Amino acid sequence: MSNNNNSDSNRIKIFLVDDDALYLKSLEIDFMQQADFEIETFETGEVCLENLSHKPDVIILDYHLDGINKNAINGIKTLDEIKSFNPDIPVVMLSSQDKIDVAINCMHHKAFDYVVKSETAFMRLQKIITTIFSYKKMEKELSWYMDRM
């Protein structure tokens, strides 16, 4: 399938950012099998940030990100940079740590949600993405309605 057709503009573009190449690939495959998403994958926060001009609809971002390069910026720093670039991009944090303080830290930095890497992580991510897009649809409808009042 060509990536230059007109339907691309209607597809949800998801950035997946994780330094675990195997996990990244399996997540990409899961998303590709579930729906007609446009997926871009990145192994570091730096490369994700360099590509924000591609206008992702959602970013799924690993909390640690220093598995390959110990000097790589972590997920929280990447999240802060994404939010300063465009505060409206929903970012879902992923972590292998099931710790409440990690989740609170992510939410404090304006993550949309926090998901622990587990067998149910993909199902949770799907639900969150559905929620994000029902919010966006409601916002569009509301602004359309308000414009006409």
N, C-alpha and C. Protein backbone atom coordinates (compact mmCIF):
# COMPACT_ATOMS: atom_id res chain seq x y z
N MET A 1 0.83 -1.19 0.00
CA MET A 1 0.00 0.00 0.00
C MET A 1 0.88 1.25 0.00
N SER A 2 0.58 2.18 -0.84
CA SER A 2 1.37 3.41 -0.95
C SER A 2 1.09 4.34 0.22
N ASN A 3 2.13 5.03 0.67
CA ASN A 3 1.95 5.96 1.77
C ASN A 3 1.59 7.35 1.29
N ASN A 4 1.41 7.53 -0.01
CA ASN A 4 1.15 8.86 -0.54
C ASN A 4 -0.30 9.08 -0.93
N ASN A 5 -1.20 8.18 -0.50
CA ASN A 5 -2.59 8.39 -0.90
C ASN A 5 -3.30 9.35 0.04
N ASN A 6 -4.47 9.81 -0.38
CA ASN A 6 -5.18 10.84 0.36
C ASN A 6 -5.73 10.38 1.69
N SER A 7 -5.96 9.07 1.86
CA SER A 7 -6.54 8.58 3.10
C SER A 7 -5.56 8.73 4.27
N ASP A 8 -4.28 8.93 3.99
CA ASP A 8 -3.29 9.09 5.06
C ASP A 8 -3.66 10.20 6.03
N SER A 9 -4.23 11.27 5.52
CA SER A 9 -4.54 12.41 6.37
C SER A 9 -5.60 12.05 7.42
N ASN A 10 -6.40 11.00 7.14
CA ASN A 10 -7.43 10.60 8.08
C ASN A 10 -6.96 9.51 9.05
N ARG A 11 -5.80 8.94 8.79
CA ARG A 11 -5.30 7.89 9.66
C ARG A 11 -4.70 8.50 10.91
N ILE A 12 -4.84 7.79 12.01
CA ILE A 12 -4.25 8.25 13.27
C ILE A 12 -2.76 7.95 13.22
N LYS A 13 -1.95 8.99 13.45
CA LYS A 13 -0.50 8.80 13.44
C LYS A 13 -0.01 8.63 14.88
N ILE A 14 0.63 7.49 15.11
CA ILE A 14 1.15 7.17 16.44
C ILE A 14 2.66 7.10 16.40
N PHE A 15 3.31 7.80 17.33
CA PHE A 15 4.74 7.66 17.55
C PHE A 15 4.92 6.66 18.69
N LEU A 16 5.74 5.65 18.46
CA LEU A 16 6.12 4.70 19.51
C LEU A 16 7.59 4.95 19.83
N VAL A 17 7.90 5.19 21.10
CA VAL A 17 9.26 5.52 21.49
C VAL A 17 9.69 4.58 22.62
N ASP A 18 10.65 3.71 22.32
CA ASP A 18 11.13 2.76 23.33
C ASP A 18 12.52 2.29 22.93
N ASP A 19 13.42 2.20 23.90
CA ASP A 19 14.79 1.77 23.60
C ASP A 19 14.92 0.25 23.54
N ASP A 20 13.85 -0.47 23.84
CA ASP A 20 13.84 -1.93 23.73
C ASP A 20 13.30 -2.28 22.34
N ALA A 21 14.22 -2.60 21.43
CA ALA A 21 13.87 -2.80 20.02
C ALA A 21 12.82 -3.90 19.83
N LEU A 22 12.92 -4.98 20.60
CA LEU A 22 11.96 -6.08 20.48
C LEU A 22 10.56 -5.64 20.92
N TYR A 23 10.51 -4.95 22.04
CA TYR A 23 9.22 -4.47 22.55
C TYR A 23 8.61 -3.47 21.56
N LEU A 24 9.46 -2.60 21.03
CA LEU A 24 9.02 -1.59 20.07
C LEU A 24 8.41 -2.25 18.84
N LYS A 25 9.08 -3.28 18.33
CA LYS A 25 8.60 -3.99 17.14
C LYS A 25 7.29 -4.70 17.43
N SER A 26 7.20 -5.36 18.58
CA SER A 26 5.97 -6.11 18.89
C SER A 26 4.79 -5.15 19.07
N LEU A 27 5.05 -3.98 19.66
CA LEU A 27 4.00 -2.97 19.82
C LEU A 27 3.55 -2.45 18.45
N GLU A 28 4.52 -2.21 17.58
CA GLU A 28 4.21 -1.74 16.22
C GLU A 28 3.34 -2.76 15.50
N ILE A 29 3.70 -4.03 15.59
CA ILE A 29 2.95 -5.10 14.92
C ILE A 29 1.53 -5.17 15.48
N ASP A 30 1.41 -5.08 16.83
CA ASP A 30 0.08 -5.10 17.46
C ASP A 30 -0.81 -3.99 16.90
N PHE A 31 -0.26 -2.78 16.83
CA PHE A 31 -1.05 -1.64 16.34
C PHE A 31 -1.40 -1.80 14.86
N MET A 32 -0.45 -2.28 14.07
CA MET A 32 -0.69 -2.44 12.63
C MET A 32 -1.78 -3.50 12.37
N GLN A 33 -1.83 -4.52 13.22
CA GLN A 33 -2.83 -5.58 13.03
C GLN A 33 -4.22 -5.13 13.47
N GLN A 34 -4.28 -4.23 14.43
CA GLN A 34 -5.56 -3.82 15.00
C GLN A 34 -6.32 -2.83 14.14
N ALA A 35 -5.62 -1.88 13.56
CA ALA A 35 -6.32 -0.82 12.83
C ALA A 35 -5.38 -0.19 11.83
N ASP A 36 -5.94 0.68 11.02
CA ASP A 36 -5.16 1.32 9.97
C ASP A 36 -4.45 2.56 10.52
N PHE A 37 -3.54 2.33 11.44
CA PHE A 37 -2.76 3.43 12.02
C PHE A 37 -1.54 3.71 11.16
N GLU A 38 -1.07 4.93 11.23
CA GLU A 38 0.23 5.26 10.66
C GLU A 38 1.20 5.28 11.84
N ILE A 39 2.21 4.42 11.79
CA ILE A 39 3.11 4.26 12.94
C ILE A 39 4.51 4.72 12.59
N GLU A 40 5.12 5.50 13.47
CA GLU A 40 6.54 5.81 13.36
C GLU A 40 7.19 5.38 14.67
N THR A 41 8.32 4.66 14.56
CA THR A 41 8.98 4.17 15.77
C THR A 41 10.35 4.84 15.95
N PHE A 42 10.70 5.06 17.21
CA PHE A 42 11.97 5.71 17.55
C PHE A 42 12.56 5.03 18.78
N GLU A 43 13.89 4.84 18.76
CA GLU A 43 14.54 4.19 19.89
C GLU A 43 15.09 5.18 20.92
N THR A 44 15.03 6.48 20.60
CA THR A 44 15.47 7.48 21.59
C THR A 44 14.50 8.66 21.60
N GLY A 45 14.47 9.36 22.72
CA GLY A 45 13.67 10.56 22.83
C GLY A 45 14.16 11.63 21.88
N GLU A 46 15.48 11.70 21.71
CA GLU A 46 16.06 12.72 20.83
C GLU A 46 15.52 12.61 19.41
N VAL A 47 15.48 11.37 18.87
CA VAL A 47 15.02 11.17 17.49
C VAL A 47 13.51 11.45 17.39
N CYS A 48 12.78 11.09 18.42
CA CYS A 48 11.35 11.41 18.46
C CYS A 48 11.16 12.93 18.35
N LEU A 49 11.91 13.67 19.16
CA LEU A 49 11.79 15.14 19.18
C LEU A 49 12.14 15.75 17.82
N GLU A 50 13.14 15.18 17.16
CA GLU A 50 13.54 15.68 15.83
C GLU A 50 12.43 15.50 14.79
N ASN A 51 11.49 14.58 15.07
CA ASN A 51 10.45 14.26 14.09
C ASN A 51 9.06 14.77 14.47
N LEU A 52 8.96 15.63 15.47
CA LEU A 52 7.66 16.14 15.90
C LEU A 52 6.94 16.93 14.80
N SER A 53 7.71 17.42 13.82
CA SER A 53 7.11 18.14 12.69
C SER A 53 6.22 17.21 11.86
N HIS A 54 6.33 15.89 12.05
CA HIS A 54 5.47 14.93 11.34
C HIS A 54 4.06 14.91 11.92
N LYS A 55 3.85 15.70 12.98
CA LYS A 55 2.52 15.89 13.59
C LYS A 55 1.86 14.58 14.06
N PRO A 56 2.45 13.94 15.06
CA PRO A 56 1.79 12.73 15.60
C PRO A 56 0.49 13.10 16.32
N ASP A 57 -0.49 12.18 16.26
CA ASP A 57 -1.75 12.38 17.00
C ASP A 57 -1.61 11.92 18.44
N VAL A 58 -0.77 10.92 18.65
CA VAL A 58 -0.53 10.36 19.98
C VAL A 58 0.92 9.90 20.03
N ILE A 59 1.54 10.05 21.21
CA ILE A 59 2.90 9.51 21.40
C ILE A 59 2.86 8.54 22.57
N ILE A 60 3.36 7.33 22.33
CA ILE A 60 3.50 6.34 23.40
C ILE A 60 4.98 6.28 23.71
N LEU A 61 5.31 6.63 24.94
CA LEU A 61 6.69 6.96 25.30
C LEU A 61 7.17 6.15 26.49
N ASP A 62 8.31 5.48 26.33
CA ASP A 62 8.92 4.72 27.42
C ASP A 62 9.46 5.67 28.49
N TYR A 63 9.36 5.25 29.73
CA TYR A 63 9.77 6.08 30.87
C TYR A 63 11.29 6.21 30.97
N HIS A 64 12.02 5.13 30.66
CA HIS A 64 13.48 5.15 30.89
C HIS A 64 14.32 5.64 29.72
N LEU A 65 14.27 4.92 28.62
CA LEU A 65 14.96 5.33 27.37
C LEU A 65 16.49 5.41 27.42
N ASP A 66 17.12 4.80 28.41
CA ASP A 66 18.59 4.87 28.44
C ASP A 66 19.23 3.50 28.35
N GLY A 67 18.50 2.53 27.79
CA GLY A 67 19.02 1.17 27.66
C GLY A 67 20.13 1.04 26.64
N ILE A 68 20.08 1.84 25.59
CA ILE A 68 21.10 1.77 24.54
C ILE A 68 22.23 2.73 24.85
N ASN A 69 21.84 3.96 25.14
CA ASN A 69 22.82 5.02 25.42
C ASN A 69 22.55 5.59 26.80
N LYS A 70 23.50 5.42 27.70
CA LYS A 70 23.32 5.88 29.09
C LYS A 70 23.13 7.40 29.17
N ASN A 71 23.59 8.13 28.13
CA ASN A 71 23.46 9.59 28.13
C ASN A 71 22.19 10.07 27.43
N ALA A 72 21.37 9.13 26.94
CA ALA A 72 20.13 9.52 26.25
C ALA A 72 19.19 10.21 27.24
N ILE A 73 18.40 11.16 26.74
CA ILE A 73 17.45 11.80 27.64
C ILE A 73 16.35 10.80 28.00
N ASN A 74 15.85 10.90 29.22
CA ASN A 74 14.85 9.94 29.69
C ASN A 74 13.44 10.34 29.21
N GLY A 75 12.48 9.50 29.54
CA GLY A 75 11.11 9.72 29.09
C GLY A 75 10.49 11.00 29.62
N ILE A 76 10.78 11.33 30.89
CA ILE A 76 10.20 12.55 31.48
C ILE A 76 10.74 13.79 30.78
N LYS A 77 12.04 13.82 30.52
CA LYS A 77 12.64 14.97 29.81
C LYS A 77 12.05 15.05 28.39
N THR A 78 11.91 13.90 27.74
CA THR A 78 11.31 13.86 26.40
C THR A 78 9.87 14.38 26.45
N LEU A 79 9.12 13.92 27.46
CA LEU A 79 7.73 14.37 27.65
C LEU A 79 7.67 15.90 27.80
N ASP A 80 8.57 16.45 28.63
CA ASP A 80 8.60 17.91 28.83
C ASP A 80 8.87 18.64 27.51
N GLU A 81 9.81 18.10 26.72
CA GLU A 81 10.15 18.72 25.43
C GLU A 81 8.98 18.65 24.45
N ILE A 82 8.27 17.50 24.44
CA ILE A 82 7.10 17.35 23.57
C ILE A 82 6.05 18.39 23.96
N LYS A 83 5.80 18.52 25.27
CA LYS A 83 4.78 19.46 25.76
C LYS A 83 5.17 20.91 25.48
N SER A 84 6.46 21.22 25.49
CA SER A 84 6.84 22.59 25.17
C SER A 84 6.74 22.84 23.66
N PHE A 85 6.90 21.79 22.86
CA PHE A 85 6.73 21.90 21.40
C PHE A 85 5.24 22.08 21.07
N ASN A 86 4.41 21.22 21.66
CA ASN A 86 2.96 21.30 21.43
C ASN A 86 2.24 20.64 22.61
N PRO A 87 1.68 21.46 23.52
CA PRO A 87 1.03 20.92 24.72
C PRO A 87 -0.20 20.06 24.42
N ASP A 88 -0.72 20.13 23.19
CA ASP A 88 -1.93 19.39 22.85
C ASP A 88 -1.69 17.95 22.39
N ILE A 89 -0.42 17.57 22.20
CA ILE A 89 -0.15 16.17 21.79
C ILE A 89 -0.32 15.27 23.02
N PRO A 90 -1.27 14.33 22.98
CA PRO A 90 -1.42 13.42 24.12
C PRO A 90 -0.24 12.44 24.16
N VAL A 91 0.37 12.30 25.33
CA VAL A 91 1.50 11.40 25.51
C VAL A 91 1.14 10.37 26.57
N VAL A 92 1.25 9.09 26.20
CA VAL A 92 0.99 8.00 27.14
C VAL A 92 2.34 7.41 27.52
N MET A 93 2.63 7.41 28.82
CA MET A 93 3.91 6.88 29.30
C MET A 93 3.80 5.37 29.54
N LEU A 94 4.87 4.67 29.17
CA LEU A 94 4.97 3.22 29.35
C LEU A 94 6.14 2.94 30.29
N SER A 95 5.95 2.05 31.23
CA SER A 95 7.08 1.69 32.08
C SER A 95 6.95 0.26 32.56
N SER A 96 8.09 -0.36 32.80
CA SER A 96 8.08 -1.70 33.39
C SER A 96 7.88 -1.60 34.89
N GLN A 97 7.93 -0.39 35.43
CA GLN A 97 7.79 -0.20 36.88
C GLN A 97 6.34 0.05 37.26
N ASP A 98 5.85 -0.80 38.16
CA ASP A 98 4.49 -0.63 38.66
C ASP A 98 4.57 0.12 39.99
N LYS A 99 5.05 1.36 39.93
CA LYS A 99 5.21 2.14 41.15
C LYS A 99 4.36 3.39 41.07
N ILE A 100 3.63 3.66 42.14
CA ILE A 100 2.71 4.79 42.13
C ILE A 100 3.45 6.12 41.97
N ASP A 101 4.66 6.24 42.55
CA ASP A 101 5.37 7.52 42.44
C ASP A 101 5.83 7.79 41.01
N VAL A 102 6.12 6.72 40.25
CA VAL A 102 6.48 6.88 38.84
C VAL A 102 5.26 7.38 38.06
N ALA A 103 4.11 6.77 38.33
CA ALA A 103 2.86 7.18 37.66
C ALA A 103 2.53 8.63 37.99
N ILE A 104 2.65 8.99 39.27
CA ILE A 104 2.35 10.37 39.70
C ILE A 104 3.30 11.36 39.04
N ASN A 105 4.57 10.99 38.97
CA ASN A 105 5.56 11.84 38.32
C ASN A 105 5.18 12.10 36.86
N CYS A 106 4.76 11.05 36.16
CA CYS A 106 4.35 11.19 34.75
C CYS A 106 3.15 12.12 34.62
N MET A 107 2.17 11.96 35.50
CA MET A 107 0.96 12.79 35.43
C MET A 107 1.30 14.24 35.78
N HIS A 108 2.21 14.41 36.72
CA HIS A 108 2.66 15.76 37.11
C HIS A 108 3.29 16.48 35.92
N HIS A 109 3.94 15.70 35.04
CA HIS A 109 4.57 16.27 33.85
C HIS A 109 3.61 16.29 32.65
N LYS A 110 2.32 16.15 32.93
CA LYS A 110 1.24 16.30 31.93
C LYS A 110 1.12 15.15 30.93
N ALA A 111 1.50 13.94 31.37
CA ALA A 111 1.21 12.77 30.54
C ALA A 111 -0.31 12.56 30.54
N PHE A 112 -0.84 12.05 29.44
CA PHE A 112 -2.28 11.78 29.37
C PHE A 112 -2.63 10.58 30.25
N ASP A 113 -1.72 9.59 30.26
CA ASP A 113 -1.95 8.39 31.06
C ASP A 113 -0.63 7.65 31.24
N TYR A 114 -0.68 6.61 32.06
CA TYR A 114 0.50 5.82 32.40
C TYR A 114 0.12 4.35 32.32
N VAL A 115 0.92 3.57 31.59
CA VAL A 115 0.63 2.14 31.42
C VAL A 115 1.86 1.33 31.80
N VAL A 116 1.63 0.30 32.61
CA VAL A 116 2.72 -0.61 33.00
C VAL A 116 2.86 -1.66 31.91
N LYS A 117 4.11 -1.94 31.50
CA LYS A 117 4.35 -2.97 30.49
C LYS A 117 3.97 -4.33 31.08
N SER A 118 2.98 -4.96 30.46
CA SER A 118 2.49 -6.27 30.92
C SER A 118 1.74 -6.91 29.76
N GLU A 119 1.15 -8.07 30.03
CA GLU A 119 0.39 -8.76 28.96
C GLU A 119 -0.81 -7.92 28.55
N THR A 120 -1.32 -7.10 29.45
CA THR A 120 -2.53 -6.32 29.14
C THR A 120 -2.20 -4.90 28.65
N ALA A 121 -0.92 -4.57 28.53
CA ALA A 121 -0.52 -3.20 28.15
C ALA A 121 -1.13 -2.77 26.82
N PHE A 122 -1.09 -3.64 25.82
CA PHE A 122 -1.60 -3.25 24.50
C PHE A 122 -3.10 -2.96 24.55
N MET A 123 -3.85 -3.79 25.28
CA MET A 123 -5.30 -3.56 25.40
C MET A 123 -5.57 -2.23 26.10
N ARG A 124 -4.79 -1.92 27.13
CA ARG A 124 -4.94 -0.63 27.82
C ARG A 124 -4.64 0.52 26.88
N LEU A 125 -3.56 0.39 26.09
CA LEU A 125 -3.18 1.45 25.15
C LEU A 125 -4.30 1.68 24.13
N GLN A 126 -4.89 0.59 23.64
CA GLN A 126 -6.00 0.71 22.68
C GLN A 126 -7.16 1.49 23.28
N LYS A 127 -7.51 1.17 24.53
CA LYS A 127 -8.62 1.86 25.20
C LYS A 127 -8.30 3.34 25.38
N ILE A 128 -7.07 3.63 25.76
CA ILE A 128 -6.66 5.02 25.97
C ILE A 128 -6.73 5.80 24.66
N ILE A 129 -6.27 5.20 23.57
CA ILE A 129 -6.30 5.88 22.27
C ILE A 129 -7.74 6.14 21.84
N THR A 130 -8.63 5.17 22.08
CA THR A 130 -10.05 5.36 21.78
C THR A 130 -10.59 6.54 22.59
N THR A 131 -10.23 6.60 23.87
CA THR A 131 -10.67 7.70 24.74
C THR A 131 -10.16 9.05 24.22
N ILE A 132 -8.87 9.10 23.86
CA ILE A 132 -8.28 10.34 23.35
C ILE A 132 -9.07 10.83 22.15
N PHE A 133 -9.41 9.92 21.23
CA PHE A 133 -10.07 10.36 20.00
C PHE A 133 -11.54 10.66 20.20
N SER A 134 -12.17 10.07 21.23
CA SER A 134 -13.54 10.51 21.49
C SER A 134 -13.52 11.91 22.11
N TYR A 135 -12.50 12.22 22.93
CA TYR A 135 -12.35 13.59 23.46
C TYR A 135 -12.15 14.58 22.32
N LYS A 136 -11.22 14.22 21.41
CA LYS A 136 -10.91 15.14 20.30
C LYS A 136 -12.15 15.38 19.43
N LYS A 137 -12.92 14.33 19.20
CA LYS A 137 -14.13 14.46 18.39
C LYS A 137 -15.13 15.37 19.11
N MET A 138 -15.29 15.18 20.43
CA MET A 138 -16.21 16.02 21.19
C MET A 138 -15.75 17.48 21.18
N GLU A 139 -14.45 17.70 21.30
CA GLU A 139 -13.92 19.07 21.26
C GLU A 139 -14.23 19.73 19.93
N LYS A 140 -14.04 18.99 18.84
CA LYS A 140 -14.32 19.53 17.50
C LYS A 140 -15.79 19.87 17.36
N GLU A 141 -16.65 18.96 17.80
CA GLU A 141 -18.09 19.19 17.69
C GLU A 141 -18.51 20.37 18.55
N LEU A 142 -17.93 20.47 19.74
CA LEU A 142 -18.25 21.58 20.64
C LEU A 142 -17.82 22.91 20.04
N SER A 143 -16.61 22.96 19.48
CA SER A 143 -16.14 24.23 18.90
C SER A 143 -16.98 24.59 17.67
N TRP A 144 -17.41 23.57 16.89
CA TRP A 144 -18.27 23.82 15.74
C TRP A 144 -19.59 24.44 16.23
N TYR A 145 -20.13 23.85 17.30
CA TYR A 145 -21.40 24.32 17.86
C TYR A 145 -21.24 25.75 18.41
N MET A 146 -20.15 26.00 19.15
CA MET A 146 -19.92 27.32 19.77
C MET A 146 -19.73 28.40 18.70
N ASP A 147 -19.11 28.03 17.59
CA ASP A 147 -18.90 28.98 16.49
C ASP A 147 -20.22 29.45 15.89
N ARG A 148 -21.24 28.63 16.02
CA ARG A 148 -22.52 28.94 15.40
C ARG A 148 -23.49 29.63 16.35
N MET A 149 -23.12 29.83 17.58
CA MET A 149 -24.02 30.46 18.56
C MET A 149 -23.96 31.98 18.47
